[in-house]
Amino acid sequence: MASKKDVRYLNPIAIDTKSERYCRFRKKGFKYIDYKDGDFLLMLVNEQGKIMPRRLTGTSLKYQRRVGKAIKKARHIALLPYVADQLH
């Protein structure tokens, strides 16, 4: 029979090797996210024009809400497109 030395796992054991996430807005001391700065807001939008989620960007909840409002304002006054095909 198999001993404890011969135990094999189907999936590798999870080891915490993830890099530390941080909010870029808190780190740099942002007070206001400007909706008129289209180039900056393009960094927070994916190729299809969707707002990047917090889990990917590492943005805190407070600033993610501000980013969403700024992007929506910029879309409303036609600084950013609502839908795009290969935006970047």
PDB file of N, CA and C in Angstrom:
ATOM      1  N   MET A   1       0.825  -1.185   0.000  1.00  0.00           N
ATOM      2  CA  MET A   1       0.000   0.000   0.000  1.00  0.00           C
ATOM      3  C   MET A   1       0.871   1.251   0.000  1.00  0.00           C
ATOM      4  N   ALA A   2       0.258   2.365  -0.302  1.00  0.00           N
ATOM      5  CA  ALA A   2       0.983   3.636  -0.390  1.00  0.00           C
ATOM      6  C   ALA A   2       1.232   4.209   1.000  1.00  0.00           C
ATOM      7  N   SER A   3       2.423   4.694   1.196  1.00  0.00           N
ATOM      8  CA  SER A   3       2.744   5.341   2.458  1.00  0.00           C
ATOM      9  C   SER A   3       2.547   6.849   2.315  1.00  0.00           C
ATOM     10  N   LYS A   4       2.770   7.575   3.409  1.00  0.00           N
ATOM     11  CA  LYS A   4       2.582   9.023   3.373  1.00  0.00           C
ATOM     12  C   LYS A   4       3.587   9.715   2.458  1.00  0.00           C
ATOM     13  N   LYS A   5       4.715   9.084   2.206  1.00  0.00           N
ATOM     14  CA  LYS A   5       5.711   9.674   1.320  1.00  0.00           C
ATOM     15  C   LYS A   5       5.241   9.670  -0.134  1.00  0.00           C
ATOM     16  N   ASP A   6       4.365   8.747  -0.477  1.00  0.00           N
ATOM     17  CA  ASP A   6       3.919   8.600  -1.853  1.00  0.00           C
ATOM     18  C   ASP A   6       2.652   9.392  -2.177  1.00  0.00           C
ATOM     19  N   VAL A   7       2.229  10.272  -1.280  1.00  0.00           N
ATOM     20  CA  VAL A   7       1.011  11.042  -1.523  1.00  0.00           C
ATOM     21  C   VAL A   7       1.282  12.054  -2.632  1.00  0.00           C
ATOM     22  N   ARG A   8       0.430  12.050  -3.642  1.00  0.00           N
ATOM     23  CA  ARG A   8       0.563  12.978  -4.751  1.00  0.00           C
ATOM     24  C   ARG A   8      -0.697  13.830  -4.830  1.00  0.00           C
ATOM     25  N   TYR A   9      -0.504  15.066  -5.159  1.00  0.00           N
ATOM     26  CA  TYR A   9      -1.622  15.990  -5.278  1.00  0.00           C
ATOM     27  C   TYR A   9      -1.920  16.225  -6.748  1.00  0.00           C
ATOM     28  N   LEU A  10      -3.211  16.314  -7.077  1.00  0.00           N
ATOM     29  CA  LEU A  10      -3.598  16.604  -8.452  1.00  0.00           C
ATOM     30  C   LEU A  10      -3.266  18.050  -8.813  1.00  0.00           C
ATOM     31  N   ASN A  11      -3.503  18.953  -7.878  1.00  0.00           N
ATOM     32  CA  ASN A  11      -3.200  20.367  -8.092  1.00  0.00           C
ATOM     33  C   ASN A  11      -2.019  20.750  -7.212  1.00  0.00           C
ATOM     34  N   PRO A  12      -1.150  21.617  -7.673  1.00  0.00           N
ATOM     35  CA  PRO A  12      -0.032  22.034  -6.823  1.00  0.00           C
ATOM     36  C   PRO A  12      -0.530  22.779  -5.590  1.00  0.00           C
ATOM     37  N   ILE A  13       0.201  22.670  -4.534  1.00  0.00           N
ATOM     38  CA  ILE A  13      -0.164  23.342  -3.289  1.00  0.00           C
ATOM     39  C   ILE A  13       0.001  24.841  -3.491  1.00  0.00           C
ATOM     40  N   ALA A  14      -1.009  25.600  -3.076  1.00  0.00           N
ATOM     41  CA  ALA A  14      -0.992  27.051  -3.268  1.00  0.00           C
ATOM     42  C   ALA A  14       0.044  27.691  -2.349  1.00  0.00           C
ATOM     43  N   ILE A  15       0.926  28.444  -2.949  1.00  0.00           N
ATOM     44  CA  ILE A  15       1.939  29.170  -2.191  1.00  0.00           C
ATOM     45  C   ILE A  15       1.726  30.643  -2.476  1.00  0.00           C
ATOM     46  N   ASP A  16       1.711  31.447  -1.439  1.00  0.00           N
ATOM     47  CA  ASP A  16       1.461  32.879  -1.615  1.00  0.00           C
ATOM     48  C   ASP A  16       2.670  33.551  -2.239  1.00  0.00           C
ATOM     49  N   THR A  17       2.637  33.700  -3.557  1.00  0.00           N
ATOM     50  CA  THR A  17       3.714  34.377  -4.279  1.00  0.00           C
ATOM     51  C   THR A  17       3.195  35.631  -4.971  1.00  0.00           C
ATOM     52  N   LYS A  18       1.971  36.037  -4.639  1.00  0.00           N
ATOM     53  CA  LYS A  18       1.378  37.204  -5.279  1.00  0.00           C
ATOM     54  C   LYS A  18       2.091  38.470  -4.813  1.00  0.00           C
ATOM     55  N   SER A  19       2.245  39.404  -5.746  1.00  0.00           N
ATOM     56  CA  SER A  19       2.879  40.664  -5.383  1.00  0.00           C
ATOM     57  C   SER A  19       1.899  41.514  -4.585  1.00  0.00           C
ATOM     58  N   GLU A  20       2.430  42.387  -3.795  1.00  0.00           N
ATOM     59  CA  GLU A  20       1.612  43.251  -2.947  1.00  0.00           C
ATOM     60  C   GLU A  20       0.898  44.285  -3.815  1.00  0.00           C
ATOM     61  N   ARG A  21      -0.413  44.365  -3.702  1.00  0.00           N
ATOM     62  CA  ARG A  21      -1.179  45.350  -4.454  1.00  0.00           C
ATOM     63  C   ARG A  21      -1.262  46.641  -3.652  1.00  0.00           C
ATOM     64  N   TYR A  22      -1.345  47.731  -4.381  1.00  0.00           N
ATOM     65  CA  TYR A  22      -1.480  49.027  -3.729  1.00  0.00           C
ATOM     66  C   TYR A  22      -2.326  49.930  -4.620  1.00  0.00           C
ATOM     67  N   CYS A  23      -2.900  50.927  -4.014  1.00  0.00           N
ATOM     68  CA  CYS A  23      -3.699  51.897  -4.746  1.00  0.00           C
ATOM     69  C   CYS A  23      -2.771  52.996  -5.244  1.00  0.00           C
ATOM     70  N   ARG A  24      -2.675  53.136  -6.560  1.00  0.00           N
ATOM     71  CA  ARG A  24      -1.763  54.132  -7.133  1.00  0.00           C
ATOM     72  C   ARG A  24      -2.188  55.553  -6.774  1.00  0.00           C
ATOM     73  N   PHE A  25      -3.485  55.771  -6.550  1.00  0.00           N
ATOM     74  CA  PHE A  25      -3.970  57.105  -6.226  1.00  0.00           C
ATOM     75  C   PHE A  25      -3.608  57.498  -4.797  1.00  0.00           C
ATOM     76  N   ARG A  26      -3.708  56.552  -3.874  1.00  0.00           N
ATOM     77  CA  ARG A  26      -3.307  56.828  -2.488  1.00  0.00           C
ATOM     78  C   ARG A  26      -1.805  57.019  -2.372  1.00  0.00           C
ATOM     79  N   LYS A  27      -1.057  56.200  -3.109  1.00  0.00           N
ATOM     80  CA  LYS A  27       0.395  56.259  -3.032  1.00  0.00           C
ATOM     81  C   LYS A  27       0.929  57.598  -3.541  1.00  0.00           C
ATOM     82  N   LYS A  28       0.316  58.130  -4.618  1.00  0.00           N
ATOM     83  CA  LYS A  28       0.779  59.391  -5.191  1.00  0.00           C
ATOM     84  C   LYS A  28       0.058  60.604  -4.633  1.00  0.00           C
ATOM     85  N   GLY A  29      -0.926  60.393  -3.764  1.00  0.00           N
ATOM     86  CA  GLY A  29      -1.600  61.501  -3.098  1.00  0.00           C
ATOM     87  C   GLY A  29      -2.586  62.269  -3.959  1.00  0.00           C
ATOM     88  N   PHE A  30      -3.346  61.578  -4.795  1.00  0.00           N
ATOM     89  CA  PHE A  30      -4.352  62.234  -5.624  1.00  0.00           C
ATOM     90  C   PHE A  30      -5.480  62.754  -4.752  1.00  0.00           C
ATOM     91  N   LYS A  31      -5.941  63.945  -5.022  1.00  0.00           N
ATOM     92  CA  LYS A  31      -7.117  64.500  -4.350  1.00  0.00           C
ATOM     93  C   LYS A  31      -8.317  64.491  -5.288  1.00  0.00           C
ATOM     94  N   TYR A  32      -8.050  64.632  -6.591  1.00  0.00           N
ATOM     95  CA  TYR A  32      -9.111  64.777  -7.578  1.00  0.00           C
ATOM     96  C   TYR A  32      -8.707  64.043  -8.861  1.00  0.00           C
ATOM     97  N   ILE A  33      -9.637  63.303  -9.442  1.00  0.00           N
ATOM     98  CA  ILE A  33      -9.393  62.621 -10.709  1.00  0.00           C
ATOM     99  C   ILE A  33     -10.088  63.446 -11.788  1.00  0.00           C
ATOM    100  N   ASP A  34      -9.304  64.007 -12.697  1.00  0.00           N
ATOM    101  CA  ASP A  34      -9.817  64.929 -13.698  1.00  0.00           C
ATOM    102  C   ASP A  34     -10.472  64.171 -14.844  1.00  0.00           C
ATOM    103  N   TYR A  35     -11.744  64.451 -15.093  1.00  0.00           N
ATOM    104  CA  TYR A  35     -12.461  63.779 -16.166  1.00  0.00           C
ATOM    105  C   TYR A  35     -12.071  64.322 -17.527  1.00  0.00           C
ATOM    106  N   LYS A  36     -11.384  65.468 -17.582  1.00  0.00           N
ATOM    107  CA  LYS A  36     -10.987  66.079 -18.852  1.00  0.00           C
ATOM    108  C   LYS A  36      -9.661  65.522 -19.379  1.00  0.00           C
ATOM    109  N   ASP A  37      -8.981  64.729 -18.569  1.00  0.00           N
ATOM    110  CA  ASP A  37      -7.701  64.143 -18.980  1.00  0.00           C
ATOM    111  C   ASP A  37      -7.956  62.765 -19.598  1.00  0.00           C
ATOM    112  N   GLY A  38      -8.223  62.754 -20.895  1.00  0.00           N
ATOM    113  CA  GLY A  38      -8.585  61.516 -21.592  1.00  0.00           C
ATOM    114  C   GLY A  38      -7.460  60.505 -21.665  1.00  0.00           C
ATOM    115  N   ASP A  39      -6.220  60.973 -21.805  1.00  0.00           N
ATOM    116  CA  ASP A  39      -5.082  60.047 -21.896  1.00  0.00           C
ATOM    117  C   ASP A  39      -4.888  59.267 -20.600  1.00  0.00           C
ATOM    118  N   PHE A  40      -5.070  59.934 -19.469  1.00  0.00           N
ATOM    119  CA  PHE A  40      -4.941  59.257 -18.181  1.00  0.00           C
ATOM    120  C   PHE A  40      -6.067  58.254 -17.981  1.00  0.00           C
ATOM    121  N   LEU A  41      -7.283  58.639 -18.357  1.00  0.00           N
ATOM    122  CA  LEU A  41      -8.424  57.737 -18.182  1.00  0.00           C
ATOM    123  C   LEU A  41      -8.353  56.526 -19.107  1.00  0.00           C
ATOM    124  N   LEU A  42      -7.654  56.650 -20.233  1.00  0.00           N
ATOM    125  CA  LEU A  42      -7.498  55.505 -21.133  1.00  0.00           C
ATOM    126  C   LEU A  42      -6.703  54.379 -20.486  1.00  0.00           C
ATOM    127  N   MET A  43      -5.841  54.714 -19.521  1.00  0.00           N
ATOM    128  CA  MET A  43      -5.074  53.673 -18.822  1.00  0.00           C
ATOM    129  C   MET A  43      -5.971  52.825 -17.922  1.00  0.00           C
ATOM    130  N   LEU A  44      -7.129  53.343 -17.546  1.00  0.00           N
ATOM    131  CA  LEU A  44      -8.029  52.642 -16.636  1.00  0.00           C
ATOM    132  C   LEU A  44      -9.183  51.967 -17.368  1.00  0.00           C
ATOM    133  N   VAL A  45      -9.066  51.882 -18.690  1.00  0.00           N
ATOM    134  CA  VAL A  45     -10.104  51.296 -19.535  1.00  0.00           C
ATOM    135  C   VAL A  45      -9.460  50.215 -20.391  1.00  0.00           C
ATOM    136  N   ASN A  46     -10.165  49.103 -20.632  1.00  0.00           N
ATOM    137  CA  ASN A  46      -9.584  48.048 -21.461  1.00  0.00           C
ATOM    138  C   ASN A  46      -9.803  48.330 -22.949  1.00  0.00           C
ATOM    139  N   GLU A  47      -9.451  47.377 -23.831  1.00  0.00           N
ATOM    140  CA  GLU A  47      -9.491  47.596 -25.270  1.00  0.00           C
ATOM    141  C   GLU A  47     -10.905  47.835 -25.797  1.00  0.00           C
ATOM    142  N   GLN A  48     -11.891  47.254 -25.137  1.00  0.00           N
ATOM    143  CA  GLN A  48     -13.269  47.424 -25.589  1.00  0.00           C
ATOM    144  C   GLN A  48     -13.918  48.686 -25.036  1.00  0.00           C
ATOM    145  N   GLY A  49     -13.237  49.397 -24.150  1.00  0.00           N
ATOM    146  CA  GLY A  49     -13.790  50.617 -23.568  1.00  0.00           C
ATOM    147  C   GLY A  49     -14.448  50.405 -22.221  1.00  0.00           C
ATOM    148  N   LYS A  50     -14.295  49.222 -21.641  1.00  0.00           N
ATOM    149  CA  LYS A  50     -14.900  48.940 -20.335  1.00  0.00           C
ATOM    150  C   LYS A  50     -13.975  49.389 -19.212  1.00  0.00           C
ATOM    151  N   ILE A  51     -14.556  49.793 -18.100  1.00  0.00           N
ATOM    152  CA  ILE A  51     -13.779  50.221 -16.940  1.00  0.00           C
ATOM    153  C   ILE A  51     -13.128  48.994 -16.310  1.00  0.00           C
ATOM    154  N   MET A  52     -11.820  49.089 -16.041  1.00  0.00           N
ATOM    155  CA  MET A  52     -11.095  47.967 -15.441  1.00  0.00           C
ATOM    156  C   MET A  52     -11.556  47.765 -13.985  1.00  0.00           C
ATOM    157  N   PRO A  53     -11.752  46.520 -13.553  1.00  0.00           N
ATOM    158  CA  PRO A  53     -12.208  46.267 -12.188  1.00  0.00           C
ATOM    159  C   PRO A  53     -11.100  46.463 -11.158  1.00  0.00           C
ATOM    160  N   ARG A  54     -11.515  46.627  -9.925  1.00  0.00           N
ATOM    161  CA  ARG A  54     -10.595  46.847  -8.808  1.00  0.00           C
ATOM    162  C   ARG A  54      -9.635  45.691  -8.614  1.00  0.00           C
ATOM    163  N   ARG A  55     -10.106  44.493  -8.828  1.00  0.00           N
ATOM    164  CA  ARG A  55      -9.250  43.329  -8.572  1.00  0.00           C
ATOM    165  C   ARG A  55      -8.070  43.263  -9.529  1.00  0.00           C
ATOM    166  N   LEU A  56      -8.171  43.914 -10.686  1.00  0.00           N
ATOM    167  CA  LEU A  56      -7.066  43.938 -11.631  1.00  0.00           C
ATOM    168  C   LEU A  56      -6.163  45.155 -11.436  1.00  0.00           C
ATOM    169  N   THR A  57      -6.743  46.294 -11.121  1.00  0.00           N
ATOM    170  CA  THR A  57      -5.951  47.515 -11.005  1.00  0.00           C
ATOM    171  C   THR A  57      -5.386  47.723  -9.609  1.00  0.00           C
ATOM    172  N   GLY A  58      -6.030  47.156  -8.579  1.00  0.00           N
ATOM    173  CA  GLY A  58      -5.565  47.359  -7.214  1.00  0.00           C
ATOM    174  C   GLY A  58      -6.029  48.668  -6.616  1.00  0.00           C
ATOM    175  N   THR A  59      -6.933  49.358  -7.278  1.00  0.00           N
ATOM    176  CA  THR A  59      -7.435  50.641  -6.811  1.00  0.00           C
ATOM    177  C   THR A  59      -8.352  50.431  -5.603  1.00  0.00           C
ATOM    178  N   SER A  60      -8.284  51.352  -4.640  1.00  0.00           N
ATOM    179  CA  SER A  60      -9.151  51.256  -3.469  1.00  0.00           C
ATOM    180  C   SER A  60     -10.585  51.614  -3.864  1.00  0.00           C
ATOM    181  N   LEU A  61     -11.531  51.259  -3.028  1.00  0.00           N
ATOM    182  CA  LEU A  61     -12.949  51.460  -3.331  1.00  0.00           C
ATOM    183  C   LEU A  61     -13.272  52.932  -3.520  1.00  0.00           C
ATOM    184  N   LYS A  62     -12.727  53.770  -2.680  1.00  0.00           N
ATOM    185  CA  LYS A  62     -12.977  55.213  -2.745  1.00  0.00           C
ATOM    186  C   LYS A  62     -12.566  55.782  -4.101  1.00  0.00           C
ATOM    187  N   TYR A  63     -11.383  55.432  -4.556  1.00  0.00           N
ATOM    188  CA  TYR A  63     -10.891  55.962  -5.820  1.00  0.00           C
ATOM    189  C   TYR A  63     -11.487  55.249  -7.020  1.00  0.00           C
ATOM    190  N   GLN A  64     -11.895  54.002  -6.872  1.00  0.00           N
ATOM    191  CA  GLN A  64     -12.555  53.302  -7.977  1.00  0.00           C
ATOM    192  C   GLN A  64     -13.887  53.968  -8.295  1.00  0.00           C
ATOM    193  N   ARG A  65     -14.595  54.414  -7.270  1.00  0.00           N
ATOM    194  CA  ARG A  65     -15.848  55.132  -7.499  1.00  0.00           C
ATOM    195  C   ARG A  65     -15.585  56.441  -8.233  1.00  0.00           C
ATOM    196  N   ARG A  66     -14.532  57.146  -7.821  1.00  0.00           N
ATOM    197  CA  ARG A  66     -14.182  58.408  -8.477  1.00  0.00           C
ATOM    198  C   ARG A  66     -13.750  58.180  -9.923  1.00  0.00           C
ATOM    199  N   VAL A  67     -13.016  57.112 -10.168  1.00  0.00           N
ATOM    200  CA  VAL A  67     -12.590  56.780 -11.526  1.00  0.00           C
ATOM    201  C   VAL A  67     -13.809  56.495 -12.393  1.00  0.00           C
ATOM    202  N   GLY A  68     -14.753  55.724 -11.865  1.00  0.00           N
ATOM    203  CA  GLY A  68     -15.968  55.407 -12.616  1.00  0.00           C
ATOM    204  C   GLY A  68     -16.750  56.649 -12.983  1.00  0.00           C
ATOM    205  N   LYS A  69     -16.896  57.562 -12.026  1.00  0.00           N
ATOM    206  CA  LYS A  69     -17.618  58.808 -12.300  1.00  0.00           C
ATOM    207  C   LYS A  69     -16.889  59.642 -13.340  1.00  0.00           C
ATOM    208  N   ALA A  70     -15.564  59.721 -13.240  1.00  0.00           N
ATOM    209  CA  ALA A  70     -14.788  60.514 -14.188  1.00  0.00           C
ATOM    210  C   ALA A  70     -14.884  59.937 -15.598  1.00  0.00           C
ATOM    211  N   ILE A  71     -14.814  58.618 -15.717  1.00  0.00           N
ATOM    212  CA  ILE A  71     -14.908  57.981 -17.035  1.00  0.00           C
ATOM    213  C   ILE A  71     -16.294  58.190 -17.624  1.00  0.00           C
ATOM    214  N   LYS A  72     -17.321  58.071 -16.806  1.00  0.00           N
ATOM    215  CA  LYS A  72     -18.684  58.269 -17.303  1.00  0.00           C
ATOM    216  C   LYS A  72     -18.921  59.713 -17.728  1.00  0.00           C
ATOM    217  N   LYS A  73     -18.353  60.677 -16.990  1.00  0.00           N
ATOM    218  CA  LYS A  73     -18.457  62.084 -17.395  1.00  0.00           C
ATOM    219  C   LYS A  73     -17.731  62.319 -18.711  1.00  0.00           C
ATOM    220  N   ALA A  74     -16.544  61.746 -18.846  1.00  0.00           N
ATOM    221  CA  ALA A  74     -15.758  61.916 -20.069  1.00  0.00           C
ATOM    222  C   ALA A  74     -16.477  61.291 -21.259  1.00  0.00           C
ATOM    223  N   ARG A  75     -17.159  60.188 -21.057  1.00  0.00           N
ATOM    224  CA  ARG A  75     -17.930  59.576 -22.133  1.00  0.00           C
ATOM    225  C   ARG A  75     -19.104  60.471 -22.523  1.00  0.00           C
ATOM    226  N   HIS A  76     -19.735  61.071 -21.525  1.00  0.00           N
ATOM    227  CA  HIS A  76     -20.917  61.894 -21.767  1.00  0.00           C
ATOM    228  C   HIS A  76     -20.586  63.129 -22.605  1.00  0.00           C
ATOM    229  N   ILE A  77     -19.421  63.726 -22.381  1.00  0.00           N
ATOM    230  CA  ILE A  77     -19.054  64.908 -23.165  1.00  0.00           C
ATOM    231  C   ILE A  77     -18.139  64.531 -24.344  1.00  0.00           C
ATOM    232  N   ALA A  78     -18.091  63.258 -24.694  1.00  0.00           N
ATOM    233  CA  ALA A  78     -17.433  62.726 -25.886  1.00  0.00           C
ATOM    234  C   ALA A  78     -15.911  62.858 -25.871  1.00  0.00           C
ATOM    235  N   LEU A  79     -15.288  62.762 -24.693  1.00  0.00           N
ATOM    236  CA  LEU A  79     -13.838  62.690 -24.624  1.00  0.00           C
ATOM    237  C   LEU A  79     -13.353  61.244 -24.720  1.00  0.00           C
ATOM    238  N   LEU A  80     -14.202  60.324 -24.296  1.00  0.00           N
ATOM    239  CA  LEU A  80     -13.931  58.885 -24.413  1.00  0.00           C
ATOM    240  C   LEU A  80     -15.098  58.222 -25.126  1.00  0.00           C
ATOM    241  N   PRO A  81     -14.842  57.172 -25.897  1.00  0.00           N
ATOM    242  CA  PRO A  81     -15.951  56.470 -26.542  1.00  0.00           C
ATOM    243  C   PRO A  81     -16.650  55.526 -25.555  1.00  0.00           C
ATOM    244  N   TYR A  82     -17.929  55.296 -25.788  1.00  0.00           N
ATOM    245  CA  TYR A  82     -18.663  54.337 -24.966  1.00  0.00           C
ATOM    246  C   TYR A  82     -18.206  52.917 -25.289  1.00  0.00           C
ATOM    247  N   VAL A  83     -18.127  52.613 -26.580  1.00  0.00           N
ATOM    248  CA  VAL A  83     -17.719  51.296 -27.036  1.00  0.00           C
ATOM    249  C   VAL A  83     -16.645  51.506 -28.088  1.00  0.00           C
ATOM    250  N   ALA A  84     -15.597  50.711 -28.026  1.00  0.00           N
ATOM    251  CA  ALA A  84     -14.527  50.842 -29.005  1.00  0.00           C
ATOM    252  C   ALA A  84     -14.037  49.473 -29.421  1.00  0.00           C
ATOM    253  N   ASP A  85     -13.522  49.388 -30.617  1.00  0.00           N
ATOM    254  CA  ASP A  85     -12.926  48.155 -31.109  1.00  0.00           C
ATOM    255  C   ASP A  85     -11.412  48.384 -31.185  1.00  0.00           C
ATOM    256  N   GLN A  86     -10.675  47.747 -30.303  1.00  0.00           N
ATOM    257  CA  GLN A  86      -9.225  47.905 -30.196  1.00  0.00           C
ATOM    258  C   GLN A  86      -8.854  49.364 -29.939  1.00  0.00           C
ATOM    259  N   LEU A  87      -9.194  49.841 -28.750  1.00  0.00           N
ATOM    260  CA  LEU A  87      -9.009  51.232 -28.357  1.00  0.00           C
ATOM    261  C   LEU A  87      -7.541  51.600 -28.214  1.00  0.00           C
ATOM    262  N   HIS A  88      -6.720  50.707 -27.664  1.00  0.00           N
ATOM    263  CA  HIS A  88      -5.317  51.054 -27.368  1.00  0.00           C
ATOM    264  C   HIS A  88      -4.459  50.894 -28.572  1.00  0.00           C
TER     265      HIS A  88
END
